[in-house]
Amino acid sequence: MRAAVLSLLGTAYRAACPPGVDRVRFGRALAEDVADVLATLSGVDTLIAAIPSTVDDAKAVAMPGTPILEVSTPDGAFAELATRGYTEAALFTADVPDLPALLAAKPFSGLSTSDSAVVPSHGAGLVALATRLPRPGWLPSTVDLDTPDALDRLRAAAPGPRDLAVAPAWRRLRTPTDLAGLDPALEGWEATRALLSYG
């Protein structure tokens, strides 16, 4: 069983909110767009991981029947998923509304040959962190999607190069100026597009 998990383990996905736009609505629009992408992945269950302060966001963007995991860390999410019988899981940041579905599927492709897989972010951090379950002992529990040097730390911890699959990088929206990277001609990101009145 495979799980794609939208991570609302913090409120960093609101950081790029431009002036004049409600931060909560903005964050929910981004998260909704990522959830929509994850829902298109074949053979993968979509879930949402949230902390108490973001549970309302999770409920607002969840499709009917989408489980919401109330956990505090990625490691907690992976542990909960393992107890539910999942054998693979990928955790995705919520600030990538225009993430292509083909790239969202890459971590699961990586897990076919590696214990763990990542989609790096342009700059610091990760877009996605995937692992076989139970989580391999070498995977640092202190590394999350917002760890600045996450990729370097994971590469250093991996027993060998084949234990960590690395997909092409994608951009995260961390500041209002990052919104300029959104391409109105690119399909998807409908909720964010509507909120920002793009195209």
Protein backbone atom coordinates (compact mmCIF):
# COMPACT_ATOMS: atom_id res chain seq x y z
CA MET A 1 0.00 0.00 0.00
CA ARG A 2 1.22 3.47 -0.90
CA ALA A 3 0.36 6.81 0.72
CA ALA A 4 0.83 10.34 -0.59
CA VAL A 5 0.60 12.73 2.34
CA LEU A 6 0.05 16.47 2.13
CA SER A 7 2.11 17.99 4.94
CA LEU A 8 0.49 20.75 6.98
CA LEU A 9 3.02 20.22 9.79
CA GLY A 10 3.52 23.94 10.31
CA THR A 11 2.35 27.09 8.54
CA ALA A 12 5.27 27.74 6.17
CA TYR A 13 2.90 27.30 3.22
CA ARG A 14 1.41 30.71 4.04
CA ALA A 15 4.76 32.54 3.90
CA ALA A 16 4.48 33.65 0.26
CA CYS A 17 1.13 35.35 0.79
CA PRO A 18 1.17 38.71 -1.04
CA PRO A 19 -0.09 41.94 0.50
CA GLY A 20 -3.85 42.33 0.47
CA VAL A 21 -4.58 38.58 0.43
CA ASP A 22 -5.83 36.70 3.49
CA ARG A 23 -3.05 34.40 4.71
CA VAL A 24 -5.39 31.59 5.70
CA ARG A 25 -7.24 31.62 2.38
CA PHE A 26 -3.91 31.77 0.55
CA GLY A 27 -2.47 28.81 2.42
CA ARG A 28 -5.60 26.78 1.86
CA ALA A 29 -5.57 27.53 -1.87
CA LEU A 30 -2.00 26.27 -2.20
CA ALA A 31 -2.75 23.18 -0.12
CA GLU A 32 -5.89 22.43 -2.13
CA ASP A 33 -3.95 22.53 -5.38
CA VAL A 34 -1.30 20.14 -4.06
CA ALA A 35 -3.99 17.82 -2.72
CA ASP A 36 -5.61 17.80 -6.16
CA VAL A 37 -2.31 16.76 -7.76
CA LEU A 38 -1.75 13.96 -5.24
CA ALA A 39 -5.28 12.67 -5.83
CA THR A 40 -4.40 12.01 -9.49
CA LEU A 41 -1.62 9.55 -8.62
CA SER A 42 -2.54 6.00 -9.58
CA GLY A 43 -2.51 3.32 -6.89
CA VAL A 44 -1.81 5.83 -4.13
CA ASP A 45 -4.01 6.83 -1.19
CA THR A 46 -4.06 10.54 -0.36
CA LEU A 47 -3.93 11.66 3.27
CA ILE A 48 -3.20 14.91 5.10
CA ALA A 49 -0.88 15.33 8.09
CA ALA A 50 -1.64 18.30 10.34
CA ILE A 51 -0.78 19.81 13.70
CA PRO A 52 -3.52 21.27 15.94
CA SER A 53 -3.15 24.78 14.49
CA THR A 54 -3.58 23.54 10.91
CA VAL A 55 -6.32 20.93 11.36
CA ASP A 56 -8.93 23.44 10.19
CA ASP A 57 -6.90 24.00 7.01
CA ALA A 58 -6.71 20.24 6.53
CA LYS A 59 -10.48 19.89 6.90
CA ALA A 60 -11.06 22.77 4.48
CA VAL A 61 -9.00 21.21 1.67
CA ALA A 62 -9.69 17.52 2.29
CA MET A 63 -11.85 15.68 -0.18
CA PRO A 64 -14.64 13.59 1.34
CA GLY A 65 -13.17 10.53 3.02
CA THR A 66 -9.60 11.84 3.09
CA PRO A 67 -7.98 10.77 6.38
CA ILE A 68 -6.34 13.50 8.46
CA LEU A 69 -3.40 12.43 10.62
CA GLU A 70 -2.91 14.61 13.69
CA VAL A 71 0.82 14.26 14.24
CA SER A 72 3.64 16.67 15.02
CA THR A 73 6.54 15.45 12.85
CA PRO A 74 7.19 13.62 9.58
CA ASP A 75 8.51 10.71 11.61
CA GLY A 76 5.21 10.63 13.48
CA ALA A 77 3.34 10.56 10.19
CA PHE A 78 5.47 7.72 8.85
CA ALA A 79 4.99 5.74 12.08
CA GLU A 80 1.21 6.20 11.94
CA LEU A 81 1.11 5.15 8.29
CA ALA A 82 3.10 2.02 9.07
CA THR A 83 0.55 1.05 11.74
CA ARG A 84 -2.18 1.46 9.11
CA GLY A 85 -0.48 -1.08 6.86
CA TYR A 86 1.20 1.21 4.35
CA THR A 87 4.49 -0.04 2.93
CA GLU A 88 5.51 3.19 1.15
CA ALA A 89 4.78 6.83 1.88
CA ALA A 90 5.73 10.22 0.48
CA LEU A 91 5.28 13.48 2.35
CA PHE A 92 4.72 16.60 0.19
CA THR A 93 5.01 20.26 1.10
CA ALA A 94 1.92 22.41 0.56
CA ASP A 95 3.66 25.38 -1.09
CA VAL A 96 4.03 23.83 -4.57
CA PRO A 97 0.59 24.40 -6.13
CA ASP A 98 1.90 23.94 -9.67
CA LEU A 99 3.76 20.68 -8.97
CA PRO A 100 3.43 18.45 -12.07
CA ALA A 101 1.80 15.08 -11.45
CA LEU A 102 4.67 13.33 -13.24
CA LEU A 103 7.13 14.81 -10.76
CA ALA A 104 4.85 14.01 -7.81
CA ALA A 105 4.98 10.36 -8.89
CA LYS A 106 8.80 10.29 -9.01
CA PRO A 107 9.37 9.52 -5.31
CA PHE A 108 7.31 6.35 -5.62
CA SER A 109 9.28 5.34 -8.70
CA GLY A 110 12.43 5.92 -6.68
CA LEU A 111 11.23 3.61 -3.92
CA SER A 112 11.20 0.71 -6.38
CA THR A 113 15.00 0.57 -6.08
CA SER A 114 15.85 2.70 -3.02
CA ASP A 115 14.91 2.84 0.67
CA SER A 116 14.11 6.53 0.45
CA ALA A 117 13.53 9.15 -2.24
CA VAL A 118 13.29 12.93 -2.44
CA VAL A 119 12.19 15.75 -4.68
CA PRO A 120 14.58 18.58 -3.77
CA SER A 121 13.54 22.20 -3.78
CA HIS A 122 15.35 24.85 -5.77
CA GLY A 123 17.27 26.41 -2.92
CA ALA A 124 16.88 24.97 0.57
CA GLY A 125 14.65 22.15 1.76
CA LEU A 126 12.61 19.50 -0.01
CA VAL A 127 9.40 19.32 -2.00
CA ALA A 128 8.85 15.67 -1.07
CA LEU A 129 10.36 13.05 1.22
CA ALA A 130 9.46 9.41 0.60
CA THR A 131 10.39 6.22 2.37
CA ARG A 132 9.65 2.56 2.56
CA LEU A 133 7.83 1.62 5.74
CA PRO A 134 8.76 0.93 8.43
CA ARG A 135 11.19 3.83 8.06
CA PRO A 136 14.78 2.61 7.56
CA GLY A 137 16.99 3.15 10.58
CA TRP A 138 19.45 5.33 8.69
CA LEU A 139 16.82 7.94 7.74
CA PRO A 140 17.30 10.83 10.20
CA SER A 141 14.12 11.61 12.12
CA THR A 142 15.36 15.19 12.57
CA VAL A 143 15.21 15.97 8.83
CA ASP A 144 11.97 17.40 7.49
CA LEU A 145 10.83 19.22 4.36
CA ASP A 146 11.95 22.60 5.72
CA THR A 147 15.43 21.51 6.88
CA PRO A 148 17.69 23.84 4.84
CA ASP A 149 20.39 21.24 4.16
CA ALA A 150 18.02 18.27 4.05
CA LEU A 151 19.41 16.76 0.85
CA ASP A 152 23.02 16.96 2.04
CA ARG A 153 22.10 15.40 5.38
CA LEU A 154 20.17 12.57 3.77
CA ARG A 155 22.98 11.83 1.34
CA ALA A 156 25.45 11.76 4.25
CA ALA A 157 23.22 9.41 6.25
CA ALA A 158 22.43 6.97 3.43
CA PRO A 159 24.56 3.80 3.56
CA GLY A 160 25.19 4.10 -0.18
CA PRO A 161 24.16 6.18 -3.21
CA ARG A 162 21.54 3.63 -4.23
CA ASP A 163 19.72 3.95 -0.91
CA LEU A 164 18.50 7.47 -1.72
CA ALA A 165 16.81 8.29 -5.04
CA VAL A 166 16.87 11.96 -6.03
CA ALA A 167 14.30 13.31 -8.49
CA PRO A 168 14.57 16.62 -10.38
CA ALA A 169 14.07 19.71 -8.23
CA TRP A 170 11.00 21.96 -8.23
CA ARG A 171 10.32 25.45 -6.90
CA ARG A 172 8.59 26.23 -3.61
CA LEU A 173 6.73 29.46 -2.89
CA ARG A 174 8.54 30.91 0.12
CA THR A 175 8.16 34.67 -0.37
CA PRO A 176 5.70 36.88 -2.28
CA THR A 177 8.33 37.44 -4.99
CA ASP A 178 8.32 33.69 -5.70
CA LEU A 179 4.79 34.03 -7.06
CA ALA A 180 6.32 35.48 -10.22
CA GLY A 181 7.51 31.95 -11.04
CA LEU A 182 3.96 30.67 -11.47
CA ASP A 183 3.21 30.18 -15.16
CA PRO A 184 -0.39 31.04 -16.09
CA ALA A 185 0.01 28.85 -19.18
CA LEU A 186 0.77 25.79 -17.03
CA GLU A 187 -2.22 23.56 -16.32
CA GLY A 188 -3.43 23.09 -12.76
CA TRP A 189 -3.12 25.23 -9.61
CA GLU A 190 -6.74 26.30 -10.08
CA ALA A 191 -7.45 27.39 -6.49
CA THR A 192 -4.32 29.51 -6.28
CA ARG A 193 -4.93 30.91 -9.75
CA ALA A 194 -8.48 31.94 -8.83
CA LEU A 195 -7.43 33.54 -5.55
CA LEU A 196 -4.66 35.57 -7.18
CA SER A 197 -6.74 36.29 -10.30
CA TYR A 198 -4.09 34.92 -12.66
CA GLY A 199 -5.15 34.38 -16.24
